[in-house]
Amino acid sequence: MLISHNWLTTYYKNPEILPSPKEIEELFTMHAFEVDSFEQKTDDFIYDLKVLPDRGPYAHGLRYVALELALLIPELIIDENIRFD
């Protein structure tokens, strides 16, 4: 699943506290998803996440990836206008 870093930042009220894209890639790799590839495209970074079967029932959307990241970085505040249902 391809995830844009710029798109991911739109899910938070305080995206300025996000670590660097490389650090986010490491967080995903160590705690949530396998990262098949990570590359820079012009002014954006693209994560290619492999969703494993144990996360398959809920992790096939960008907003759930954003939620996973917020769980890994407790200081992140998810925008209440984003629905998780």
N, C-alpha and C. Protein backbone atom coordinates (compact mmCIF):
# COMPACT_ATOMS: atom_id res chain seq x y z
N MET A 1 0.85 -1.16 0.00
CA MET A 1 0.00 0.00 0.00
C MET A 1 0.91 1.23 0.00
N LEU A 2 0.71 2.11 -0.95
CA LEU A 2 1.51 3.32 -1.06
C LEU A 2 0.89 4.43 -0.22
N ILE A 3 1.72 5.06 0.60
CA ILE A 3 1.28 6.14 1.49
C ILE A 3 2.16 7.35 1.26
N SER A 4 1.54 8.48 1.02
CA SER A 4 2.25 9.75 0.85
C SER A 4 2.47 10.40 2.21
N HIS A 5 3.68 10.86 2.45
CA HIS A 5 3.97 11.54 3.72
C HIS A 5 3.16 12.83 3.84
N ASN A 6 3.08 13.60 2.75
CA ASN A 6 2.31 14.85 2.78
C ASN A 6 0.84 14.58 3.07
N TRP A 7 0.30 13.55 2.51
CA TRP A 7 -1.09 13.20 2.75
C TRP A 7 -1.28 12.75 4.19
N LEU A 8 -0.33 12.00 4.70
CA LEU A 8 -0.40 11.51 6.08
C LEU A 8 -0.45 12.67 7.08
N THR A 9 0.29 13.73 6.80
CA THR A 9 0.33 14.86 7.72
C THR A 9 -1.01 15.59 7.83
N THR A 10 -1.88 15.43 6.85
CA THR A 10 -3.17 16.12 6.89
C THR A 10 -4.12 15.54 7.94
N TYR A 11 -3.79 14.42 8.52
CA TYR A 11 -4.65 13.78 9.50
C TYR A 11 -4.42 14.29 10.93
N TYR A 12 -3.45 15.17 11.12
CA TYR A 12 -3.10 15.62 12.47
C TYR A 12 -3.28 17.12 12.62
N LYS A 13 -3.61 17.51 13.86
CA LYS A 13 -3.72 18.93 14.17
C LYS A 13 -2.34 19.56 14.34
N ASN A 14 -1.37 18.75 14.77
CA ASN A 14 -0.04 19.27 15.04
C ASN A 14 1.03 18.50 14.25
N PRO A 15 0.96 18.53 12.91
CA PRO A 15 1.93 17.76 12.12
C PRO A 15 3.37 18.26 12.25
N GLU A 16 3.55 19.45 12.80
CA GLU A 16 4.90 19.98 12.94
C GLU A 16 5.76 19.18 13.92
N ILE A 17 5.13 18.37 14.78
CA ILE A 17 5.92 17.57 15.72
C ILE A 17 6.28 16.20 15.17
N LEU A 18 5.83 15.89 13.96
CA LEU A 18 6.18 14.62 13.35
C LEU A 18 7.70 14.52 13.18
N PRO A 19 8.26 13.35 13.44
CA PRO A 19 9.69 13.18 13.17
C PRO A 19 9.94 13.19 11.66
N SER A 20 11.18 13.10 11.29
CA SER A 20 11.52 13.09 9.87
C SER A 20 10.90 11.87 9.18
N PRO A 21 10.70 11.95 7.87
CA PRO A 21 10.13 10.80 7.16
C PRO A 21 10.94 9.52 7.36
N LYS A 22 12.26 9.63 7.42
CA LYS A 22 13.11 8.45 7.65
C LYS A 22 12.82 7.85 9.03
N GLU A 23 12.64 8.69 10.04
CA GLU A 23 12.32 8.20 11.38
C GLU A 23 10.94 7.55 11.42
N ILE A 24 10.00 8.10 10.67
CA ILE A 24 8.66 7.50 10.59
C ILE A 24 8.76 6.13 9.92
N GLU A 25 9.57 6.03 8.88
CA GLU A 25 9.77 4.75 8.22
C GLU A 25 10.32 3.72 9.20
N GLU A 26 11.24 4.13 10.06
CA GLU A 26 11.80 3.22 11.07
C GLU A 26 10.75 2.85 12.11
N LEU A 27 9.91 3.80 12.50
CA LEU A 27 8.82 3.50 13.45
C LEU A 27 7.87 2.47 12.85
N PHE A 28 7.47 2.67 11.61
CA PHE A 28 6.59 1.71 10.95
C PHE A 28 7.24 0.33 10.92
N THR A 29 8.50 0.28 10.53
CA THR A 29 9.21 -1.00 10.40
C THR A 29 9.31 -1.73 11.74
N MET A 30 9.62 -1.01 12.78
CA MET A 30 9.86 -1.65 14.08
C MET A 30 8.58 -1.93 14.87
N HIS A 31 7.48 -1.21 14.57
CA HIS A 31 6.32 -1.31 15.45
C HIS A 31 4.99 -1.63 14.77
N ALA A 32 4.85 -1.41 13.48
CA ALA A 32 3.51 -1.53 12.91
C ALA A 32 3.46 -2.30 11.60
N PHE A 33 4.23 -1.89 10.61
CA PHE A 33 4.13 -2.46 9.27
C PHE A 33 5.52 -2.76 8.72
N GLU A 34 5.59 -3.69 7.79
CA GLU A 34 6.82 -3.86 7.03
C GLU A 34 6.84 -2.79 5.96
N VAL A 35 7.96 -2.13 5.81
CA VAL A 35 8.10 -1.12 4.76
C VAL A 35 8.88 -1.75 3.61
N ASP A 36 8.19 -2.00 2.51
CA ASP A 36 8.83 -2.61 1.34
C ASP A 36 9.80 -1.65 0.67
N SER A 37 9.41 -0.38 0.60
CA SER A 37 10.32 0.62 0.03
C SER A 37 9.96 2.00 0.59
N PHE A 38 10.91 2.88 0.49
CA PHE A 38 10.76 4.25 0.98
C PHE A 38 11.55 5.13 0.01
N GLU A 39 10.87 6.07 -0.64
CA GLU A 39 11.56 6.90 -1.63
C GLU A 39 11.04 8.32 -1.63
N GLN A 40 11.89 9.22 -2.09
CA GLN A 40 11.51 10.61 -2.21
C GLN A 40 11.06 10.88 -3.65
N LYS A 41 9.92 11.54 -3.77
CA LYS A 41 9.40 11.96 -5.07
C LYS A 41 9.17 13.45 -5.00
N THR A 42 9.94 14.22 -5.69
CA THR A 42 9.92 15.69 -5.67
C THR A 42 9.87 16.20 -4.24
N ASP A 43 8.76 16.77 -3.79
CA ASP A 43 8.67 17.34 -2.44
C ASP A 43 7.92 16.44 -1.46
N ASP A 44 7.83 15.16 -1.76
CA ASP A 44 7.09 14.23 -0.93
C ASP A 44 7.91 12.95 -0.73
N PHE A 45 7.55 12.19 0.28
CA PHE A 45 8.15 10.88 0.51
C PHE A 45 7.04 9.85 0.41
N ILE A 46 7.34 8.71 -0.18
CA ILE A 46 6.35 7.66 -0.38
C ILE A 46 6.80 6.42 0.39
N TYR A 47 5.91 5.93 1.25
CA TYR A 47 6.13 4.68 1.97
C TYR A 47 5.33 3.59 1.26
N ASP A 48 5.97 2.48 0.97
CA ASP A 48 5.27 1.32 0.43
C ASP A 48 5.15 0.32 1.57
N LEU A 49 3.98 0.28 2.20
CA LEU A 49 3.77 -0.55 3.37
C LEU A 49 3.19 -1.90 3.00
N LYS A 50 3.71 -2.92 3.61
CA LYS A 50 3.16 -4.26 3.44
C LYS A 50 2.26 -4.52 4.64
N VAL A 51 0.99 -4.68 4.38
CA VAL A 51 0.03 -4.93 5.46
C VAL A 51 -0.01 -6.44 5.70
N LEU A 52 0.43 -6.83 6.86
CA LEU A 52 0.48 -8.25 7.22
C LEU A 52 -0.91 -8.76 7.59
N PRO A 53 -1.12 -10.06 7.53
CA PRO A 53 -2.46 -10.62 7.79
C PRO A 53 -3.04 -10.26 9.16
N ASP A 54 -2.21 -10.10 10.16
CA ASP A 54 -2.75 -9.75 11.48
C ASP A 54 -3.31 -8.33 11.54
N ARG A 55 -2.90 -7.48 10.63
CA ARG A 55 -3.42 -6.11 10.57
C ARG A 55 -4.39 -5.90 9.41
N GLY A 56 -4.55 -6.92 8.61
CA GLY A 56 -5.38 -6.84 7.41
C GLY A 56 -6.81 -6.38 7.63
N PRO A 57 -7.48 -6.83 8.70
CA PRO A 57 -8.89 -6.43 8.86
C PRO A 57 -9.13 -4.93 9.03
N TYR A 58 -8.11 -4.18 9.46
CA TYR A 58 -8.37 -2.76 9.72
C TYR A 58 -7.36 -1.81 9.10
N ALA A 59 -6.26 -2.27 8.60
CA ALA A 59 -5.18 -1.36 8.21
C ALA A 59 -5.08 -1.13 6.71
N HIS A 60 -6.17 -1.25 5.98
CA HIS A 60 -6.09 -1.06 4.54
C HIS A 60 -6.50 0.34 4.09
N GLY A 61 -6.43 1.30 4.99
CA GLY A 61 -6.75 2.67 4.62
C GLY A 61 -5.78 3.64 5.24
N LEU A 62 -5.61 4.78 4.59
CA LEU A 62 -4.66 5.77 5.07
C LEU A 62 -4.98 6.25 6.47
N ARG A 63 -6.26 6.44 6.77
CA ARG A 63 -6.59 6.97 8.09
C ARG A 63 -6.22 6.00 9.21
N TYR A 64 -6.24 4.70 8.93
CA TYR A 64 -5.83 3.74 9.95
C TYR A 64 -4.32 3.68 10.09
N VAL A 65 -3.61 3.95 9.03
CA VAL A 65 -2.16 4.08 9.12
C VAL A 65 -1.83 5.33 9.94
N ALA A 66 -2.58 6.41 9.73
CA ALA A 66 -2.40 7.63 10.52
C ALA A 66 -2.70 7.36 11.99
N LEU A 67 -3.71 6.57 12.27
CA LEU A 67 -4.04 6.21 13.65
C LEU A 67 -2.92 5.39 14.27
N GLU A 68 -2.36 4.43 13.54
CA GLU A 68 -1.24 3.63 14.03
C GLU A 68 -0.07 4.54 14.40
N LEU A 69 0.22 5.51 13.55
CA LEU A 69 1.33 6.42 13.82
C LEU A 69 1.04 7.26 15.06
N ALA A 70 -0.20 7.68 15.24
CA ALA A 70 -0.57 8.45 16.43
C ALA A 70 -0.43 7.59 17.69
N LEU A 71 -0.64 6.31 17.57
CA LEU A 71 -0.44 5.43 18.72
C LEU A 71 1.03 5.29 19.06
N LEU A 72 1.88 5.39 18.05
CA LEU A 72 3.32 5.29 18.28
C LEU A 72 3.93 6.60 18.77
N ILE A 73 3.28 7.71 18.45
CA ILE A 73 3.74 9.04 18.88
C ILE A 73 2.59 9.68 19.65
N PRO A 74 2.51 9.47 20.96
CA PRO A 74 1.35 9.92 21.73
C PRO A 74 1.10 11.42 21.70
N GLU A 75 2.11 12.23 21.38
CA GLU A 75 1.92 13.68 21.35
C GLU A 75 1.11 14.14 20.14
N LEU A 76 1.01 13.28 19.13
CA LEU A 76 0.23 13.64 17.93
C LEU A 76 -1.25 13.71 18.28
N ILE A 77 -1.89 14.74 17.77
CA ILE A 77 -3.33 14.92 17.98
C ILE A 77 -4.03 14.74 16.64
N ILE A 78 -4.91 13.76 16.60
CA ILE A 78 -5.66 13.49 15.37
C ILE A 78 -6.77 14.53 15.22
N ASP A 79 -6.90 15.05 14.04
CA ASP A 79 -7.94 16.02 13.74
C ASP A 79 -9.30 15.38 13.94
N GLU A 80 -10.14 15.99 14.76
CA GLU A 80 -11.45 15.40 15.08
C GLU A 80 -12.41 15.39 13.88
N ASN A 81 -12.07 16.11 12.83
CA ASN A 81 -12.90 16.09 11.62
C ASN A 81 -12.68 14.84 10.78
N ILE A 82 -11.64 14.08 11.11
CA ILE A 82 -11.35 12.84 10.40
C ILE A 82 -12.11 11.73 11.10
N ARG A 83 -12.92 11.00 10.35
CA ARG A 83 -13.73 9.92 10.93
C ARG A 83 -13.03 8.60 10.83
N PHE A 84 -13.12 7.80 11.90
CA PHE A 84 -12.52 6.48 11.96
C PHE A 84 -13.58 5.42 12.17
N ASP A 85 -14.62 5.42 11.35
CA ASP A 85 -15.66 4.40 11.50
C ASP A 85 -15.84 3.61 10.24
